[in-house]
PDB file of N, CA and C in Angstrom:
ATOM      1  N   MET A   1       0.820  -1.193   0.000  1.00  0.00           N
ATOM      2  CA  MET A   1       0.000   0.000   0.000  1.00  0.00           C
ATOM      3  C   MET A   1       0.860   1.252   0.000  1.00  0.00           C
ATOM      4  N   LEU A   2       1.971   1.213   0.739  1.00  0.00           N
ATOM      5  CA  LEU A   2       2.851   2.378   0.782  1.00  0.00           C
ATOM      6  C   LEU A   2       3.431   2.697  -0.584  1.00  0.00           C
ATOM      7  N   GLU A   3       3.756   1.665  -1.356  1.00  0.00           N
ATOM      8  CA  GLU A   3       4.289   1.890  -2.699  1.00  0.00           C
ATOM      9  C   GLU A   3       3.247   2.568  -3.576  1.00  0.00           C
ATOM     10  N   TYR A   4       1.998   2.105  -3.502  1.00  0.00           N
ATOM     11  CA  TYR A   4       0.935   2.729  -4.284  1.00  0.00           C
ATOM     12  C   TYR A   4       0.722   4.179  -3.845  1.00  0.00           C
ATOM     13  N   MET A   5       0.774   4.425  -2.532  1.00  0.00           N
ATOM     14  CA  MET A   5       0.556   5.776  -2.023  1.00  0.00           C
ATOM     15  C   MET A   5       1.691   6.724  -2.416  1.00  0.00           C
ATOM     16  N   ALA A   6       2.910   6.205  -2.416  1.00  0.00           N
ATOM     17  CA  ALA A   6       4.062   7.064  -2.687  1.00  0.00           C
ATOM     18  C   ALA A   6       4.278   7.311  -4.176  1.00  0.00           C
ATOM     19  N   TYR A   7       4.082   6.289  -4.993  1.00  0.00           N
ATOM     20  CA  TYR A   7       4.453   6.397  -6.402  1.00  0.00           C
ATOM     21  C   TYR A   7       3.290   6.333  -7.378  1.00  0.00           C
ATOM     22  N   GLY A   8       2.117   5.963  -6.904  1.00  0.00           N
ATOM     23  CA  GLY A   8       0.988   5.783  -7.806  1.00  0.00           C
ATOM     24  C   GLY A   8       0.263   7.075  -8.124  1.00  0.00           C
ATOM     25  N   THR A   9      -0.352   7.094  -9.283  1.00  0.00           N
ATOM     26  CA  THR A   9      -1.218   8.218  -9.639  1.00  0.00           C
ATOM     27  C   THR A   9      -2.493   8.132  -8.806  1.00  0.00           C
ATOM     28  N   ALA A  10      -3.285   9.172  -8.837  1.00  0.00           N
ATOM     29  CA  ALA A  10      -4.550   9.166  -8.090  1.00  0.00           C
ATOM     30  C   ALA A  10      -5.453   8.046  -8.600  1.00  0.00           C
ATOM     31  N   ARG A  11      -5.472   7.818  -9.898  1.00  0.00           N
ATOM     32  CA  ARG A  11      -6.286   6.732 -10.476  1.00  0.00           C
ATOM     33  C   ARG A  11      -5.821   5.383  -9.960  1.00  0.00           C
ATOM     34  N   LYS A  12      -4.525   5.169  -9.962  1.00  0.00           N
ATOM     35  CA  LYS A  12      -3.973   3.893  -9.505  1.00  0.00           C
ATOM     36  C   LYS A  12      -4.294   3.671  -8.029  1.00  0.00           C
ATOM     37  N   ARG A  13      -4.185   4.706  -7.224  1.00  0.00           N
ATOM     38  CA  ARG A  13      -4.488   4.593  -5.796  1.00  0.00           C
ATOM     39  C   ARG A  13      -5.962   4.279  -5.573  1.00  0.00           C
ATOM     40  N   LEU A  14      -6.846   4.926  -6.348  1.00  0.00           N
ATOM     41  CA  LEU A  14      -8.271   4.669  -6.203  1.00  0.00           C
ATOM     42  C   LEU A  14      -8.619   3.246  -6.637  1.00  0.00           C
ATOM     43  N   LEU A  15      -8.063   2.809  -7.756  1.00  0.00           N
ATOM     44  CA  LEU A  15      -8.314   1.442  -8.209  1.00  0.00           C
ATOM     45  C   LEU A  15      -7.843   0.427  -7.178  1.00  0.00           C
ATOM     46  N   TYR A  16      -6.671   0.657  -6.617  1.00  0.00           N
ATOM     47  CA  TYR A  16      -6.136  -0.249  -5.605  1.00  0.00           C
ATOM     48  C   TYR A  16      -7.029  -0.250  -4.367  1.00  0.00           C
ATOM     49  N   LEU A  17      -7.486   0.919  -3.940  1.00  0.00           N
ATOM     50  CA  LEU A  17      -8.353   1.023  -2.781  1.00  0.00           C
ATOM     51  C   LEU A  17      -9.674   0.291  -3.025  1.00  0.00           C
ATOM     52  N   LEU A  18     -10.272   0.492  -4.187  1.00  0.00           N
ATOM     53  CA  LEU A  18     -11.523  -0.194  -4.508  1.00  0.00           C
ATOM     54  C   LEU A  18     -11.321  -1.708  -4.556  1.00  0.00           C
ATOM     55  N   HIS A  19     -10.171  -2.132  -5.084  1.00  0.00           N
ATOM     56  CA  HIS A  19      -9.854  -3.561  -5.132  1.00  0.00           C
ATOM     57  C   HIS A  19      -9.777  -4.142  -3.716  1.00  0.00           C
ATOM     58  N   LYS A  20      -9.065  -3.474  -2.832  1.00  0.00           N
ATOM     59  CA  LYS A  20      -8.930  -3.944  -1.452  1.00  0.00           C
ATOM     60  C   LYS A  20     -10.272  -3.912  -0.719  1.00  0.00           C
ATOM     61  N   LEU A  21     -11.063  -2.864  -0.932  1.00  0.00           N
ATOM     62  CA  LEU A  21     -12.385  -2.789  -0.304  1.00  0.00           C
ATOM     63  C   LEU A  21     -13.306  -3.889  -0.817  1.00  0.00           C
ATOM     64  N   SER A  22     -13.207  -4.205  -2.112  1.00  0.00           N
ATOM     65  CA  SER A  22     -14.055  -5.265  -2.658  1.00  0.00           C
ATOM     66  C   SER A  22     -13.653  -6.627  -2.100  1.00  0.00           C
ATOM     67  N   GLN A  23     -12.368  -6.818  -1.819  1.00  0.00           N
ATOM     68  CA  GLN A  23     -11.938  -8.075  -1.217  1.00  0.00           C
ATOM     69  C   GLN A  23     -12.437  -8.207   0.215  1.00  0.00           C
ATOM     70  N   LYS A  24     -12.436  -7.105   0.941  1.00  0.00           N
ATOM     71  CA  LYS A  24     -12.801  -7.145   2.353  1.00  0.00           C
ATOM     72  C   LYS A  24     -14.306  -7.022   2.584  1.00  0.00           C
ATOM     73  N   PHE A  25     -14.970  -6.141   1.839  1.00  0.00           N
ATOM     74  CA  PHE A  25     -16.378  -5.847   2.081  1.00  0.00           C
ATOM     75  C   PHE A  25     -17.291  -6.217   0.913  1.00  0.00           C
ATOM     76  N   GLY A  26     -16.754  -6.878  -0.108  1.00  0.00           N
ATOM     77  CA  GLY A  26     -17.536  -7.183  -1.298  1.00  0.00           C
ATOM     78  C   GLY A  26     -18.444  -8.384  -1.131  1.00  0.00           C
ATOM     79  N   VAL A  27     -19.649  -8.264  -1.697  1.00  0.00           N
ATOM     80  CA  VAL A  27     -20.616  -9.357  -1.708  1.00  0.00           C
ATOM     81  C   VAL A  27     -21.085  -9.528  -3.139  1.00  0.00           C
ATOM     82  N   ARG A  28     -20.986 -10.756  -3.630  1.00  0.00           N
ATOM     83  CA  ARG A  28     -21.457 -11.041  -4.988  1.00  0.00           C
ATOM     84  C   ARG A  28     -22.887 -11.521  -4.925  1.00  0.00           C
ATOM     85  N   PRO A  29     -23.662 -11.266  -5.981  1.00  0.00           N
ATOM     86  CA  PRO A  29     -25.056 -11.715  -5.982  1.00  0.00           C
ATOM     87  C   PRO A  29     -25.130 -13.241  -5.939  1.00  0.00           C
ATOM     88  N   ALA A  30     -26.205 -13.743  -5.363  1.00  0.00           N
ATOM     89  CA  ALA A  30     -26.392 -15.190  -5.278  1.00  0.00           C
ATOM     90  C   ALA A  30     -26.596 -15.779  -6.671  1.00  0.00           C
ATOM     91  N   ALA A  31     -26.269 -17.046  -6.825  1.00  0.00           N
ATOM     92  CA  ALA A  31     -26.433 -17.718  -8.117  1.00  0.00           C
ATOM     93  C   ALA A  31     -27.897 -17.665  -8.537  1.00  0.00           C
ATOM     94  N   GLY A  32     -28.108 -17.403  -9.801  1.00  0.00           N
ATOM     95  CA  GLY A  32     -29.460 -17.322 -10.319  1.00  0.00           C
ATOM     96  C   GLY A  32     -29.990 -15.901 -10.407  1.00  0.00           C
ATOM     97  N   GLU A  33     -29.367 -14.974  -9.709  1.00  0.00           N
ATOM     98  CA  GLU A  33     -29.787 -13.580  -9.791  1.00  0.00           C
ATOM     99  C   GLU A  33     -29.110 -12.926 -10.983  1.00  0.00           C
ATOM    100  N   GLY A  34     -29.856 -12.234 -11.789  1.00  0.00           N
ATOM    101  CA  GLY A  34     -29.284 -11.575 -12.967  1.00  0.00           C
ATOM    102  C   GLY A  34     -29.090 -12.574 -14.093  1.00  0.00           C
ATOM    103  N   GLU A  35     -28.653 -12.074 -15.215  1.00  0.00           N
ATOM    104  CA  GLU A  35     -28.442 -12.930 -16.371  1.00  0.00           C
ATOM    105  C   GLU A  35     -26.992 -13.367 -16.444  1.00  0.00           C
ATOM    106  N   SER A  36     -26.759 -14.509 -17.037  1.00  0.00           N
ATOM    107  CA  SER A  36     -25.400 -15.055 -17.116  1.00  0.00           C
ATOM    108  C   SER A  36     -24.521 -14.284 -18.094  1.00  0.00           C
ATOM    109  N   THR A  37     -25.131 -13.532 -19.034  1.00  0.00           N
ATOM    110  CA  THR A  37     -24.343 -12.782 -20.003  1.00  0.00           C
ATOM    111  C   THR A  37     -23.783 -11.500 -19.417  1.00  0.00           C
ATOM    112  N   GLU A  38     -24.342 -11.059 -18.305  1.00  0.00           N
ATOM    113  CA  GLU A  38     -23.889  -9.825 -17.671  1.00  0.00           C
ATOM    114  C   GLU A  38     -22.637 -10.103 -16.849  1.00  0.00           C
ATOM    115  N   PRO A  39     -21.666  -9.178 -16.839  1.00  0.00           N
ATOM    116  CA  PRO A  39     -20.470  -9.394 -16.016  1.00  0.00           C
ATOM    117  C   PRO A  39     -20.843  -9.445 -14.540  1.00  0.00           C
ATOM    118  N   GLU A  40     -20.050 -10.156 -13.767  1.00  0.00           N
ATOM    119  CA  GLU A  40     -20.342 -10.327 -12.353  1.00  0.00           C
ATOM    120  C   GLU A  40     -19.920  -9.087 -11.563  1.00  0.00           C
ATOM    121  N   TRP A  41     -20.871  -8.512 -10.859  1.00  0.00           N
ATOM    122  CA  TRP A  41     -20.639  -7.308 -10.073  1.00  0.00           C
ATOM    123  C   TRP A  41     -20.499  -7.671  -8.613  1.00  0.00           C
ATOM    124  N   THR A  42     -19.662  -6.942  -7.919  1.00  0.00           N
ATOM    125  CA  THR A  42     -19.474  -7.105  -6.479  1.00  0.00           C
ATOM    126  C   THR A  42     -19.934  -5.830  -5.806  1.00  0.00           C
ATOM    127  N   GLU A  43     -20.878  -5.974  -4.883  1.00  0.00           N
ATOM    128  CA  GLU A  43     -21.391  -4.805  -4.159  1.00  0.00           C
ATOM    129  C   GLU A  43     -20.582  -4.613  -2.887  1.00  0.00           C
ATOM    130  N   LEU A  44     -20.120  -3.391  -2.689  1.00  0.00           N
ATOM    131  CA  LEU A  44     -19.360  -3.075  -1.480  1.00  0.00           C
ATOM    132  C   LEU A  44     -20.336  -2.819  -0.337  1.00  0.00           C
ATOM    133  N   GLN A  45     -20.298  -3.674   0.668  1.00  0.00           N
ATOM    134  CA  GLN A  45     -21.209  -3.569   1.802  1.00  0.00           C
ATOM    135  C   GLN A  45     -20.653  -2.615   2.856  1.00  0.00           C
ATOM    136  N   ILE A  46     -20.262  -1.448   2.384  1.00  0.00           N
ATOM    137  CA  ILE A  46     -19.759  -0.393   3.255  1.00  0.00           C
ATOM    138  C   ILE A  46     -20.135   0.930   2.596  1.00  0.00           C
ATOM    139  N   SER A  47     -20.599   1.842   3.389  1.00  0.00           N
ATOM    140  CA  SER A  47     -21.011   3.135   2.866  1.00  0.00           C
ATOM    141  C   SER A  47     -19.882   4.144   3.081  1.00  0.00           C
ATOM    142  N   LEU A  48     -19.346   4.636   1.980  1.00  0.00           N
ATOM    143  CA  LEU A  48     -18.249   5.612   2.038  1.00  0.00           C
ATOM    144  C   LEU A  48     -18.598   6.829   1.194  1.00  0.00           C
ATOM    145  N   THR A  49     -18.283   7.995   1.714  1.00  0.00           N
ATOM    146  CA  THR A  49     -18.462   9.215   0.935  1.00  0.00           C
ATOM    147  C   THR A  49     -17.225   9.438   0.064  1.00  0.00           C
ATOM    148  N   HIS A  50     -17.346  10.332  -0.884  1.00  0.00           N
ATOM    149  CA  HIS A  50     -16.195  10.678  -1.716  1.00  0.00           C
ATOM    150  C   HIS A  50     -15.078  11.249  -0.854  1.00  0.00           C
ATOM    151  N   GLN A  51     -15.445  12.003   0.166  1.00  0.00           N
ATOM    152  CA  GLN A  51     -14.444  12.585   1.065  1.00  0.00           C
ATOM    153  C   GLN A  51     -13.697  11.486   1.820  1.00  0.00           C
ATOM    154  N   GLU A  52     -14.406  10.471   2.285  1.00  0.00           N
ATOM    155  CA  GLU A  52     -13.763   9.378   3.005  1.00  0.00           C
ATOM    156  C   GLU A  52     -12.820   8.593   2.091  1.00  0.00           C
ATOM    157  N   LEU A  53     -13.252   8.349   0.856  1.00  0.00           N
ATOM    158  CA  LEU A  53     -12.366   7.684  -0.108  1.00  0.00           C
ATOM    159  C   LEU A  53     -11.126   8.529  -0.358  1.00  0.00           C
ATOM    160  N   ALA A  54     -11.321   9.837  -0.501  1.00  0.00           N
ATOM    161  CA  ALA A  54     -10.198  10.740  -0.749  1.00  0.00           C
ATOM    162  C   ALA A  54      -9.211  10.706   0.410  1.00  0.00           C
ATOM    163  N   SER A  55      -9.712  10.709   1.631  1.00  0.00           N
ATOM    164  CA  SER A  55      -8.836  10.661   2.804  1.00  0.00           C
ATOM    165  C   SER A  55      -8.055   9.355   2.849  1.00  0.00           C
ATOM    166  N   MET A  56      -8.693   8.262   2.498  1.00  0.00           N
ATOM    167  CA  MET A  56      -8.029   6.961   2.515  1.00  0.00           C
ATOM    168  C   MET A  56      -6.893   6.881   1.506  1.00  0.00           C
ATOM    169  N   MET A  57      -7.055   7.569   0.379  1.00  0.00           N
ATOM    170  CA  MET A  57      -6.049   7.460  -0.674  1.00  0.00           C
ATOM    171  C   MET A  57      -5.134   8.674  -0.769  1.00  0.00           C
ATOM    172  N   GLY A  58      -5.284   9.619   0.147  1.00  0.00           N
ATOM    173  CA  GLY A  58      -4.406  10.777   0.157  1.00  0.00           C
ATOM    174  C   GLY A  58      -4.662  11.740  -0.978  1.00  0.00           C
ATOM    175  N   SER A  59      -5.933  12.046  -1.206  1.00  0.00           N
ATOM    176  CA  SER A  59      -6.306  12.931  -2.300  1.00  0.00           C
ATOM    177  C   SER A  59      -7.376  13.896  -1.806  1.00  0.00           C
ATOM    178  N   ILE A  60      -8.031  14.572  -2.744  1.00  0.00           N
ATOM    179  CA  ILE A  60      -9.116  15.479  -2.383  1.00  0.00           C
ATOM    180  C   ILE A  60     -10.412  14.965  -2.997  1.00  0.00           C
ATOM    181  N   ARG A  61     -11.524  15.395  -2.403  1.00  0.00           N
ATOM    182  CA  ARG A  61     -12.839  14.913  -2.818  1.00  0.00           C
ATOM    183  C   ARG A  61     -13.121  15.164  -4.299  1.00  0.00           C
ATOM    184  N   GLU A  62     -12.748  16.323  -4.792  1.00  0.00           N
ATOM    185  CA  GLU A  62     -13.023  16.663  -6.185  1.00  0.00           C
ATOM    186  C   GLU A  62     -12.345  15.690  -7.139  1.00  0.00           C
ATOM    187  N   THR A  63     -11.112  15.309  -6.825  1.00  0.00           N
ATOM    188  CA  THR A  63     -10.383  14.357  -7.663  1.00  0.00           C
ATOM    189  C   THR A  63     -11.080  13.002  -7.657  1.00  0.00           C
ATOM    190  N   VAL A  64     -11.513  12.560  -6.487  1.00  0.00           N
ATOM    191  CA  VAL A  64     -12.204  11.274  -6.374  1.00  0.00           C
ATOM    192  C   VAL A  64     -13.500  11.298  -7.169  1.00  0.00           C
ATOM    193  N   THR A  65     -14.236  12.396  -7.102  1.00  0.00           N
ATOM    194  CA  THR A  65     -15.493  12.506  -7.836  1.00  0.00           C
ATOM    195  C   THR A  65     -15.262  12.366  -9.341  1.00  0.00           C
ATOM    196  N   VAL A  66     -14.258  13.031  -9.859  1.00  0.00           N
ATOM    197  CA  VAL A  66     -13.944  12.945 -11.292  1.00  0.00           C
ATOM    198  C   VAL A  66     -13.510  11.527 -11.659  1.00  0.00           C
ATOM    199  N   LEU A  67     -12.656  10.919 -10.839  1.00  0.00           N
ATOM    200  CA  LEU A  67     -12.183   9.563 -11.117  1.00  0.00           C
ATOM    201  C   LEU A  67     -13.314   8.546 -11.056  1.00  0.00           C
ATOM    202  N   LEU A  68     -14.205   8.669 -10.076  1.00  0.00           N
ATOM    203  CA  LEU A  68     -15.330   7.734  -9.978  1.00  0.00           C
ATOM    204  C   LEU A  68     -16.251   7.859 -11.185  1.00  0.00           C
ATOM    205  N   SER A  69     -16.479   9.072 -11.645  1.00  0.00           N
ATOM    206  CA  SER A  69     -17.305   9.272 -12.841  1.00  0.00           C
ATOM    207  C   SER A  69     -16.673   8.595 -14.047  1.00  0.00           C
ATOM    208  N   GLY A  70     -15.350   8.690 -14.145  1.00  0.00           N
ATOM    209  CA  GLY A  70     -14.645   8.014 -15.235  1.00  0.00           C
ATOM    210  C   GLY A  70     -14.758   6.505 -15.141  1.00  0.00           C
ATOM    211  N   LEU A  71     -14.675   5.964 -13.933  1.00  0.00           N
ATOM    212  CA  LEU A  71     -14.791   4.517 -13.749  1.00  0.00           C
ATOM    213  C   LEU A  71     -16.193   4.025 -14.086  1.00  0.00           C
ATOM    214  N   VAL A  72     -17.191   4.840 -13.785  1.00  0.00           N
ATOM    215  CA  VAL A  72     -18.568   4.479 -14.143  1.00  0.00           C
ATOM    216  C   VAL A  72     -18.713   4.443 -15.658  1.00  0.00           C
ATOM    217  N   SER A  73     -18.173   5.442 -16.345  1.00  0.00           N
ATOM    218  CA  SER A  73     -18.293   5.486 -17.810  1.00  0.00           C
ATOM    219  C   SER A  73     -17.501   4.363 -18.482  1.00  0.00           C
ATOM    220  N   GLU A  74     -16.441   3.874 -17.832  1.00  0.00           N
ATOM    221  CA  GLU A  74     -15.661   2.755 -18.360  1.00  0.00           C
ATOM    222  C   GLU A  74     -16.293   1.401 -18.049  1.00  0.00           C
ATOM    223  N   GLY A  75     -17.318   1.381 -17.219  1.00  0.00           N
ATOM    224  CA  GLY A  75     -17.974   0.132 -16.864  1.00  0.00           C
ATOM    225  C   GLY A  75     -17.261  -0.645 -15.778  1.00  0.00           C
ATOM    226  N   ILE A  76     -16.355  -0.003 -15.059  1.00  0.00           N
ATOM    227  CA  ILE A  76     -15.624  -0.669 -13.989  1.00  0.00           C
ATOM    228  C   ILE A  76     -16.449  -0.668 -12.713  1.00  0.00           C
ATOM    229  N   MET A  77     -17.229   0.357 -12.520  1.00  0.00           N
ATOM    230  CA  MET A  77     -18.088   0.419 -11.336  1.00  0.00           C
ATOM    231  C   MET A  77     -19.419   1.043 -11.706  1.00  0.00           C
ATOM    232  N   LYS A  78     -20.391   0.868 -10.816  1.00  0.00           N
ATOM    233  CA  LYS A  78     -21.692   1.502 -11.022  1.00  0.00           C
ATOM    234  C   LYS A  78     -22.232   1.939  -9.674  1.00  0.00           C
ATOM    235  N   ARG A  79     -23.035   2.960  -9.730  1.00  0.00           N
ATOM    236  CA  ARG A  79     -23.705   3.434  -8.530  1.00  0.00           C
ATOM    237  C   ARG A  79     -25.159   3.679  -8.889  1.00  0.00           C
ATOM    238  N   ARG A  80     -26.010   3.302  -7.992  1.00  0.00           N
ATOM    239  CA  ARG A  80     -27.444   3.425  -8.243  1.00  0.00           C
ATOM    240  C   ARG A  80     -27.976   4.791  -7.848  1.00  0.00           C
ATOM    241  N   ALA A  81     -27.682   5.209  -6.645  1.00  0.00           N
ATOM    242  CA  ALA A  81     -28.156   6.509  -6.157  1.00  0.00           C
ATOM    243  C   ALA A  81     -27.238   6.947  -5.031  1.00  0.00           C
ATOM    244  N   PRO A  82     -27.197   8.246  -4.753  1.00  0.00           N
ATOM    245  CA  PRO A  82     -26.364   8.704  -3.643  1.00  0.00           C
ATOM    246  C   PRO A  82     -26.745   8.000  -2.337  1.00  0.00           C
ATOM    247  N   GLY A  83     -25.749   7.590  -1.588  1.00  0.00           N
ATOM    248  CA  GLY A  83     -25.992   6.910  -0.327  1.00  0.00           C
ATOM    249  C   GLY A  83     -26.069   5.399  -0.438  1.00  0.00           C
ATOM    250  N   ASN A  84     -26.253   4.884  -1.658  1.00  0.00           N
ATOM    251  CA  ASN A  84     -26.293   3.439  -1.860  1.00  0.00           C
ATOM    252  C   ASN A  84     -24.882   2.899  -2.031  1.00  0.00           C
ATOM    253  N   PRO A  85     -24.672   1.624  -1.711  1.00  0.00           N
ATOM    254  CA  PRO A  85     -23.336   1.046  -1.855  1.00  0.00           C
ATOM    255  C   PRO A  85     -22.867   1.054  -3.312  1.00  0.00           C
ATOM    256  N   LEU A  86     -21.570   1.141  -3.484  1.00  0.00           N
ATOM    257  CA  LEU A  86     -20.975   1.072  -4.814  1.00  0.00           C
ATOM    258  C   LEU A  86     -20.887  -0.383  -5.242  1.00  0.00           C
ATOM    259  N   SER A  87     -20.891  -0.626  -6.538  1.00  0.00           N
ATOM    260  CA  SER A  87     -20.674  -1.956  -7.087  1.00  0.00           C
ATOM    261  C   SER A  87     -19.517  -1.871  -8.061  1.00  0.00           C
ATOM    262  N   VAL A  88     -18.641  -2.879  -8.029  1.00  0.00           N
ATOM    263  CA  VAL A  88     -17.509  -2.919  -8.946  1.00  0.00           C
ATOM    264  C   VAL A  88     -17.542  -4.209  -9.737  1.00  0.00           C
ATOM    265  N   GLN A  89     -17.052  -4.151 -10.959  1.00  0.00           N
ATOM    266  CA  GLN A  89     -16.916  -5.336 -11.795  1.00  0.00           C
ATOM    267  C   GLN A  89     -15.482  -5.806 -11.593  1.00  0.00           C
ATOM    268  N   ALA A  90     -15.315  -6.890 -10.858  1.00  0.00           N
ATOM    269  CA  ALA A  90     -14.007  -7.326 -10.371  1.00  0.00           C
ATOM    270  C   ALA A  90     -12.978  -7.532 -11.475  1.00  0.00           C
ATOM    271  N   GLU A  91     -13.357  -8.170 -12.560  1.00  0.00           N
ATOM    272  CA  GLU A  91     -12.398  -8.453 -13.630  1.00  0.00           C
ATOM    273  C   GLU A  91     -11.921  -7.175 -14.314  1.00  0.00           C
ATOM    274  N   ARG A  92     -12.843  -6.270 -14.571  1.00  0.00           N
ATOM    275  CA  ARG A  92     -12.454  -4.992 -15.192  1.00  0.00           C
ATOM    276  C   ARG A  92     -11.595  -4.165 -14.246  1.00  0.00           C
ATOM    277  N   LEU A  93     -11.909  -4.228 -12.947  1.00  0.00           N
ATOM    278  CA  LEU A  93     -11.129  -3.504 -11.954  1.00  0.00           C
ATOM    279  C   LEU A  93      -9.686  -4.019 -11.918  1.00  0.00           C
ATOM    280  N   LYS A  94      -9.528  -5.325 -11.920  1.00  0.00           N
ATOM    281  CA  LYS A  94      -8.180  -5.921 -11.922  1.00  0.00           C
ATOM    282  C   LYS A  94      -7.433  -5.563 -13.192  1.00  0.00           C
ATOM    283  N   ALA A  95      -8.110  -5.606 -14.340  1.00  0.00           N
ATOM    284  CA  ALA A  95      -7.462  -5.274 -15.612  1.00  0.00           C
ATOM    285  C   ALA A  95      -7.016  -3.807 -15.633  1.00  0.00           C
ATOM    286  N   ALA A  96      -7.871  -2.917 -15.136  1.00  0.00           N
ATOM    287  CA  ALA A  96      -7.513  -1.492 -15.096  1.00  0.00           C
ATOM    288  C   ALA A  96      -6.344  -1.246 -14.156  1.00  0.00           C
ATOM    289  N   LEU A  97      -6.300  -1.963 -13.034  1.00  0.00           N
ATOM    290  CA  LEU A  97      -5.204  -1.815 -12.086  1.00  0.00           C
ATOM    291  C   LEU A  97      -3.898  -2.313 -12.703  1.00  0.00           C
ATOM    292  N   GLN A  98      -3.954  -3.395 -13.446  1.00  0.00           N
ATOM    293  CA  GLN A  98      -2.741  -3.920 -14.109  1.00  0.00           C
ATOM    294  C   GLN A  98      -2.242  -2.978 -15.192  1.00  0.00           C
ATOM    295  N   GLU A  99      -3.160  -2.292 -15.877  1.00  0.00           N
ATOM    296  CA  GLU A  99      -2.763  -1.336 -16.905  1.00  0.00           C
ATOM    297  C   GLU A  99      -2.020  -0.155 -16.319  1.00  0.00           C
ATOM    298  N   CYS A 100      -2.325   0.187 -15.078  1.00  0.00           N
ATOM    299  CA  CYS A 100      -1.678   1.331 -14.422  1.00  0.00           C
ATOM    300  C   CYS A 100      -0.266   1.010 -13.964  1.00  0.00           C
ATOM    301  N   THR A 101       0.090  -0.262 -13.840  1.00  0.00           N
ATOM    302  CA  THR A 101       1.412  -0.613 -13.324  1.00  0.00           C
ATOM    303  C   THR A 101       2.453  -0.664 -14.395  1.00  0.00           C
TER     304      THR A 101
END
């Protein structure tokens, strides 16, 4: 984590943070829910504000907001409404994190 914090870009730090949060707090939908053609999403069972994410990764809220919007448009994560848990697509998240290294 220290290496990512010291040398990583804000995007790389956010991707790494989301990856670690999905490992610790992620819940995948039960079998049979959703269609099999859709990528598997992991819902983060933790409620975090943009400010809290920014503090965790050593950034500012505005930067996190812009980065999260970009991740949504790339299909790496989705959000339903403010205050609801975030969902990440694990495979796309891992691929994006590997591209940053």
